[in-house]
């Protein structure tokens, strides 16, 4: 059974819109659903709030069947991980929480790493 057979149509559409990638698993698609490697980036200094955001992002990644490879609170370590292809997607809470979000987005994009703000994602609203 393929990944798309197990996911209801509504979930496939939501995920396809979210990721802007083909829903079907093809050998020429290097980032098929089951191989999504994710970094969780915690940018909030408030430890209680950061813990809550981290838990919500972990649940989100788990619900999407993504593999969390890194949980990071240091921007330079995050960029170093992107440079070594340790992950292909970074989850953050909100882009407004990020220091110099445009710079971070550009650096991640240069390494073909996507950035997803979970609190700003329509798919995350059902949390």
N, C-alpha and C. Protein backbone atom coordinates (compact mmCIF):
# COMPACT_ATOMS: atom_id res chain seq x y z
N UNK A 1 0.85 -1.17 0.00
CA UNK A 1 0.00 0.00 0.00
C UNK A 1 0.90 1.24 0.00
N UNK A 2 0.65 2.17 -0.90
CA UNK A 2 1.46 3.39 -0.95
C UNK A 2 0.96 4.40 0.04
N UNK A 3 1.76 5.41 0.28
CA UNK A 3 1.42 6.49 1.22
C UNK A 3 0.12 7.16 0.80
N UNK A 4 -0.09 7.39 -0.48
CA UNK A 4 -1.29 8.08 -0.94
C UNK A 4 -2.53 7.23 -0.79
N UNK A 5 -2.38 5.89 -0.76
CA UNK A 5 -3.54 5.03 -0.55
C UNK A 5 -4.05 5.13 0.88
N UNK A 6 -3.17 5.43 1.81
CA UNK A 6 -3.55 5.47 3.23
C UNK A 6 -4.12 6.82 3.65
N UNK A 7 -3.89 7.88 2.87
CA UNK A 7 -4.31 9.21 3.26
C UNK A 7 -5.60 9.57 2.55
N UNK A 8 -6.61 10.05 3.30
CA UNK A 8 -7.85 10.48 2.65
C UNK A 8 -7.58 11.59 1.65
N UNK A 9 -8.45 11.71 0.66
CA UNK A 9 -8.26 12.69 -0.41
C UNK A 9 -8.08 14.10 0.14
N UNK A 10 -8.86 14.47 1.14
CA UNK A 10 -8.74 15.81 1.71
C UNK A 10 -7.35 16.04 2.28
N UNK A 11 -6.78 15.04 2.91
CA UNK A 11 -5.43 15.15 3.45
C UNK A 11 -4.39 15.28 2.37
N UNK A 12 -4.59 14.56 1.26
CA UNK A 12 -3.64 14.66 0.15
C UNK A 12 -3.67 16.05 -0.46
N UNK A 13 -4.87 16.62 -0.61
CA UNK A 13 -4.99 17.95 -1.19
C UNK A 13 -4.35 18.97 -0.26
N UNK A 14 -4.67 18.90 1.04
CA UNK A 14 -4.11 19.83 2.00
C UNK A 14 -2.59 19.75 1.99
N UNK A 15 -2.06 18.55 2.01
CA UNK A 15 -0.61 18.37 2.03
C UNK A 15 0.03 18.82 0.73
N UNK A 16 -0.64 18.57 -0.38
CA UNK A 16 -0.09 18.99 -1.67
C UNK A 16 -0.03 20.51 -1.74
N UNK A 17 -1.06 21.18 -1.24
CA UNK A 17 -1.04 22.63 -1.24
C UNK A 17 0.04 23.15 -0.31
N UNK A 18 0.20 22.48 0.81
CA UNK A 18 1.18 22.89 1.80
C UNK A 18 2.60 22.74 1.27
N UNK A 19 2.87 21.63 0.64
CA UNK A 19 4.25 21.36 0.23
C UNK A 19 4.55 21.81 -1.20
N UNK A 20 3.51 22.06 -2.00
CA UNK A 20 3.69 22.44 -3.40
C UNK A 20 4.51 21.41 -4.15
N UNK A 21 4.39 20.16 -3.78
CA UNK A 21 5.09 19.06 -4.44
C UNK A 21 4.05 18.06 -4.93
N UNK A 22 4.41 17.22 -5.89
CA UNK A 22 3.47 16.20 -6.35
C UNK A 22 3.06 15.28 -5.20
N UNK A 23 1.82 14.84 -5.23
CA UNK A 23 1.30 13.98 -4.18
C UNK A 23 1.74 12.54 -4.37
N UNK A 24 1.92 12.12 -5.60
CA UNK A 24 2.29 10.73 -5.86
C UNK A 24 3.77 10.52 -5.60
N UNK A 25 4.11 9.28 -5.29
CA UNK A 25 5.51 8.94 -5.05
C UNK A 25 6.12 8.43 -6.36
N UNK A 26 7.08 9.14 -6.86
CA UNK A 26 7.78 8.77 -8.08
C UNK A 26 9.26 8.68 -7.78
N UNK A 27 9.95 7.86 -8.52
CA UNK A 27 11.38 7.73 -8.30
C UNK A 27 12.11 9.02 -8.66
N UNK A 28 11.55 9.81 -9.60
CA UNK A 28 12.23 11.05 -9.95
C UNK A 28 11.93 12.18 -8.96
N UNK A 29 11.06 11.95 -7.99
CA UNK A 29 10.75 12.94 -6.96
C UNK A 29 11.59 12.60 -5.72
N UNK A 30 12.70 13.30 -5.49
CA UNK A 30 13.60 12.91 -4.40
C UNK A 30 13.01 13.14 -3.01
N UNK A 31 12.00 13.98 -2.88
CA UNK A 31 11.47 14.29 -1.56
C UNK A 31 10.05 13.78 -1.41
N UNK A 32 9.86 12.51 -1.65
CA UNK A 32 8.55 11.90 -1.47
C UNK A 32 8.14 12.02 -0.01
N UNK A 33 6.86 11.93 0.25
CA UNK A 33 6.34 12.13 1.60
C UNK A 33 7.09 11.34 2.65
N UNK A 34 7.29 10.07 2.41
CA UNK A 34 7.86 9.21 3.44
C UNK A 34 9.33 9.53 3.73
N UNK A 35 9.97 10.33 2.89
CA UNK A 35 11.38 10.63 3.10
C UNK A 35 11.61 12.06 3.57
N UNK A 36 10.58 12.78 3.93
CA UNK A 36 10.73 14.17 4.39
C UNK A 36 11.53 14.20 5.69
N UNK A 37 12.65 14.86 5.67
CA UNK A 37 13.49 15.02 6.86
C UNK A 37 13.34 16.46 7.34
N UNK A 38 12.99 16.62 8.60
CA UNK A 38 12.58 17.92 9.12
C UNK A 38 13.46 18.35 10.28
N UNK A 39 13.75 19.64 10.30
CA UNK A 39 14.38 20.27 11.46
C UNK A 39 13.33 21.15 12.13
N UNK A 40 13.28 21.10 13.43
CA UNK A 40 12.41 21.99 14.19
C UNK A 40 13.30 23.10 14.73
N UNK A 41 12.96 24.34 14.40
CA UNK A 41 13.76 25.49 14.82
C UNK A 41 13.00 26.26 15.89
N UNK A 42 13.54 26.29 17.08
CA UNK A 42 12.96 27.00 18.20
C UNK A 42 13.66 28.35 18.31
N UNK A 43 12.93 29.43 18.07
CA UNK A 43 13.56 30.75 18.08
C UNK A 43 13.12 31.59 19.27
N UNK A 44 12.28 31.05 20.13
CA UNK A 44 11.74 31.81 21.25
C UNK A 44 12.58 31.57 22.50
N UNK A 45 12.96 32.64 23.17
CA UNK A 45 13.81 32.51 24.37
C UNK A 45 13.02 32.08 25.61
N UNK A 46 11.72 32.29 25.62
CA UNK A 46 10.87 31.91 26.75
C UNK A 46 10.79 30.39 26.80
N UNK A 47 11.38 29.77 27.82
CA UNK A 47 11.49 28.30 27.83
C UNK A 47 10.14 27.59 27.86
N UNK A 48 9.16 28.14 28.59
CA UNK A 48 7.84 27.48 28.65
C UNK A 48 7.14 27.57 27.29
N UNK A 49 7.16 28.77 26.70
CA UNK A 49 6.55 28.95 25.39
C UNK A 49 7.28 28.11 24.34
N UNK A 50 8.59 28.10 24.41
CA UNK A 50 9.39 27.31 23.47
C UNK A 50 9.06 25.83 23.59
N UNK A 51 8.88 25.34 24.80
CA UNK A 51 8.54 23.92 25.00
C UNK A 51 7.17 23.60 24.40
N UNK A 52 6.22 24.50 24.56
CA UNK A 52 4.89 24.29 23.99
C UNK A 52 4.94 24.31 22.45
N UNK A 53 5.68 25.25 21.89
CA UNK A 53 5.81 25.34 20.44
C UNK A 53 6.53 24.11 19.89
N UNK A 54 7.57 23.69 20.57
CA UNK A 54 8.31 22.49 20.13
C UNK A 54 7.40 21.27 20.13
N UNK A 55 6.60 21.09 21.18
CA UNK A 55 5.68 19.95 21.24
C UNK A 55 4.65 20.01 20.12
N UNK A 56 4.12 21.20 19.83
CA UNK A 56 3.13 21.34 18.75
C UNK A 56 3.77 21.04 17.39
N UNK A 57 4.99 21.51 17.17
CA UNK A 57 5.65 21.24 15.89
C UNK A 57 6.01 19.77 15.76
N UNK A 58 6.39 19.14 16.86
CA UNK A 58 6.68 17.70 16.84
C UNK A 58 5.42 16.91 16.48
N UNK A 59 4.28 17.28 17.09
CA UNK A 59 3.00 16.61 16.76
C UNK A 59 2.65 16.81 15.29
N UNK A 60 2.86 18.03 14.81
CA UNK A 60 2.56 18.34 13.41
C UNK A 60 3.40 17.45 12.49
N UNK A 61 4.70 17.36 12.75
CA UNK A 61 5.59 16.53 11.94
C UNK A 61 5.18 15.06 12.03
N UNK A 62 4.84 14.60 13.23
CA UNK A 62 4.41 13.22 13.41
C UNK A 62 3.14 12.94 12.61
N UNK A 63 2.19 13.87 12.65
CA UNK A 63 0.93 13.71 11.90
C UNK A 63 1.16 13.66 10.39
N UNK A 64 2.20 14.33 9.93
CA UNK A 64 2.52 14.34 8.51
C UNK A 64 3.42 13.15 8.13
N UNK A 65 3.77 12.31 9.11
CA UNK A 65 4.69 11.19 8.90
C UNK A 65 6.06 11.65 8.43
N UNK A 66 6.50 12.78 8.94
CA UNK A 66 7.83 13.30 8.64
C UNK A 66 8.79 12.86 9.72
N UNK A 67 10.06 12.75 9.38
CA UNK A 67 11.10 12.33 10.31
C UNK A 67 11.81 13.58 10.83
N UNK A 68 11.73 13.82 12.13
CA UNK A 68 12.42 14.96 12.73
C UNK A 68 13.86 14.53 12.98
N UNK A 69 14.78 15.18 12.29
CA UNK A 69 16.19 14.83 12.42
C UNK A 69 16.94 15.76 13.35
N UNK A 70 16.44 16.98 13.52
CA UNK A 70 17.14 17.98 14.31
C UNK A 70 16.12 18.86 15.04
N UNK A 71 16.41 19.15 16.30
CA UNK A 71 15.67 20.19 17.02
C UNK A 71 16.73 21.19 17.44
N UNK A 72 16.60 22.40 16.92
CA UNK A 72 17.69 23.36 17.05
C UNK A 72 17.18 24.70 17.55
N UNK A 73 17.99 25.36 18.37
CA UNK A 73 17.66 26.73 18.78
C UNK A 73 18.77 27.71 18.40
N UNK A 74 19.80 27.22 17.74
CA UNK A 74 20.91 28.05 17.30
C UNK A 74 20.85 28.19 15.78
N UNK A 75 20.72 29.43 15.31
CA UNK A 75 20.55 29.67 13.88
C UNK A 75 21.74 29.19 13.06
N UNK A 76 22.96 29.41 13.56
CA UNK A 76 24.14 28.98 12.80
C UNK A 76 24.19 27.47 12.67
N UNK A 77 23.86 26.75 13.73
CA UNK A 77 23.82 25.28 13.65
C UNK A 77 22.75 24.83 12.67
N UNK A 78 21.63 25.54 12.64
CA UNK A 78 20.58 25.23 11.68
C UNK A 78 21.08 25.40 10.24
N UNK A 79 21.76 26.49 9.99
CA UNK A 79 22.29 26.74 8.64
C UNK A 79 23.38 25.73 8.28
N UNK A 80 24.19 25.35 9.24
CA UNK A 80 25.21 24.32 8.99
C UNK A 80 24.56 23.00 8.62
N UNK A 81 23.46 22.64 9.30
CA UNK A 81 22.72 21.42 8.98
C UNK A 81 22.13 21.47 7.59
N UNK A 82 21.63 22.63 7.20
CA UNK A 82 21.07 22.79 5.85
C UNK A 82 22.16 22.60 4.81
N UNK A 83 23.35 23.13 5.09
CA UNK A 83 24.47 23.02 4.15
C UNK A 83 24.91 21.57 3.95
N UNK A 84 24.72 20.73 4.96
CA UNK A 84 25.12 19.32 4.86
C UNK A 84 23.95 18.41 4.49
N UNK A 85 22.82 19.00 4.12
CA UNK A 85 21.62 18.24 3.72
C UNK A 85 21.12 17.31 4.82
N UNK A 86 21.21 17.76 6.06
CA UNK A 86 20.72 16.97 7.19
C UNK A 86 19.19 16.92 7.21
N UNK A 87 18.55 17.85 6.51
CA UNK A 87 17.09 17.93 6.45
C UNK A 87 16.70 18.70 5.19
N UNK A 88 15.44 18.59 4.79
CA UNK A 88 14.98 19.30 3.60
C UNK A 88 13.83 20.27 3.90
N UNK A 89 13.43 20.35 5.17
CA UNK A 89 12.36 21.24 5.59
C UNK A 89 12.64 21.70 7.01
N UNK A 90 12.44 22.99 7.26
CA UNK A 90 12.56 23.54 8.61
C UNK A 90 11.18 24.01 9.05
N UNK A 91 10.78 23.53 10.22
CA UNK A 91 9.54 24.00 10.83
C UNK A 91 9.91 25.07 11.86
N UNK A 92 9.24 26.20 11.77
CA UNK A 92 9.37 27.22 12.79
C UNK A 92 7.95 27.55 13.26
N UNK A 93 7.82 28.32 14.30
CA UNK A 93 6.48 28.63 14.80
C UNK A 93 5.83 29.73 13.97
N UNK A 94 6.47 30.91 13.89
CA UNK A 94 5.97 32.03 13.11
C UNK A 94 7.15 32.77 12.51
N UNK A 95 7.03 33.22 11.29
CA UNK A 95 8.14 33.95 10.69
C UNK A 95 8.40 35.27 11.41
N UNK A 96 7.37 35.85 12.01
CA UNK A 96 7.57 37.11 12.75
C UNK A 96 8.43 36.89 14.00
N UNK A 97 8.54 35.64 14.47
CA UNK A 97 9.38 35.34 15.63
C UNK A 97 10.86 35.22 15.26
N UNK A 98 11.14 35.10 13.97
CA UNK A 98 12.52 34.86 13.53
C UNK A 98 13.28 36.16 13.40
N UNK A 99 14.48 36.17 13.93
CA UNK A 99 15.38 37.30 13.74
C UNK A 99 15.89 37.25 12.30
N UNK A 100 15.68 38.30 11.55
CA UNK A 100 16.13 38.39 10.16
C UNK A 100 15.61 37.21 9.32
N UNK A 101 14.29 37.09 9.29
CA UNK A 101 13.64 35.96 8.61
C UNK A 101 13.99 35.89 7.12
N UNK A 102 14.08 37.03 6.46
CA UNK A 102 14.39 37.02 5.03
C UNK A 102 15.77 36.43 4.76
N UNK A 103 16.75 36.79 5.57
CA UNK A 103 18.10 36.23 5.43
C UNK A 103 18.08 34.72 5.64
N UNK A 104 17.38 34.28 6.69
CA UNK A 104 17.29 32.85 6.98
C UNK A 104 16.63 32.11 5.81
N UNK A 105 15.54 32.65 5.29
CA UNK A 105 14.85 32.04 4.16
C UNK A 105 15.78 31.93 2.95
N UNK A 106 16.51 32.99 2.66
CA UNK A 106 17.43 32.97 1.51
C UNK A 106 18.53 31.94 1.68
N UNK A 107 19.11 31.85 2.88
CA UNK A 107 20.18 30.89 3.13
C UNK A 107 19.67 29.45 3.03
N UNK A 108 18.49 29.20 3.60
CA UNK A 108 17.91 27.86 3.52
C UNK A 108 17.59 27.51 2.06
N UNK A 109 17.00 28.45 1.35
CA UNK A 109 16.66 28.22 -0.06
C UNK A 109 17.88 27.91 -0.90
N UNK A 110 18.99 28.53 -0.60
CA UNK A 110 20.23 28.27 -1.34
C UNK A 110 20.66 26.81 -1.21
N UNK A 111 20.24 26.17 -0.13
CA UNK A 111 20.56 24.75 0.09
C UNK A 111 19.37 23.85 -0.22
N UNK A 112 18.36 24.41 -0.90
CA UNK A 112 17.15 23.68 -1.30
C UNK A 112 16.38 23.15 -0.09
N UNK A 113 16.36 23.95 0.97
CA UNK A 113 15.63 23.62 2.19
C UNK A 113 14.45 24.58 2.30
N UNK A 114 13.27 24.03 2.54
CA UNK A 114 12.07 24.84 2.68
C UNK A 114 11.86 25.27 4.12
N UNK A 115 11.11 26.35 4.31
CA UNK A 115 10.78 26.86 5.63
C UNK A 115 9.26 26.91 5.74
N UNK A 116 8.73 26.30 6.80
CA UNK A 116 7.29 26.29 7.02
C UNK A 116 6.99 26.81 8.42
N UNK A 117 6.21 27.89 8.49
CA UNK A 117 5.78 28.45 9.77
C UNK A 117 4.48 27.74 10.16
N UNK A 118 4.56 26.87 11.14
CA UNK A 118 3.44 26.02 11.51
C UNK A 118 2.24 26.81 12.00
N UNK A 119 2.43 27.83 12.80
CA UNK A 119 1.31 28.62 13.33
C UNK A 119 0.63 29.42 12.23
N UNK A 120 1.28 29.59 11.10
CA UNK A 120 0.72 30.34 9.98
C UNK A 120 0.19 29.43 8.88
N UNK A 121 0.25 28.14 9.09
CA UNK A 121 -0.17 27.17 8.08
C UNK A 121 -1.63 26.82 8.28
N UNK A 122 -2.40 26.83 7.20
CA UNK A 122 -3.82 26.46 7.28
C UNK A 122 -3.98 25.02 7.77
N UNK A 123 -3.07 24.15 7.39
CA UNK A 123 -3.16 22.74 7.78
C UNK A 123 -2.95 22.57 9.28
N UNK A 124 -2.27 23.49 9.92
CA UNK A 124 -1.99 23.38 11.35
C UNK A 124 -3.15 23.86 12.21
N UNK A 125 -4.14 24.52 11.61
CA UNK A 125 -5.24 25.08 12.39
C UNK A 125 -6.06 24.03 13.10
N UNK A 126 -6.05 22.80 12.61
CA UNK A 126 -6.84 21.76 13.25
C UNK A 126 -6.20 21.22 14.50
N UNK A 127 -4.98 21.63 14.82
CA UNK A 127 -4.24 21.19 16.02
C UNK A 127 -5.05 21.40 17.27
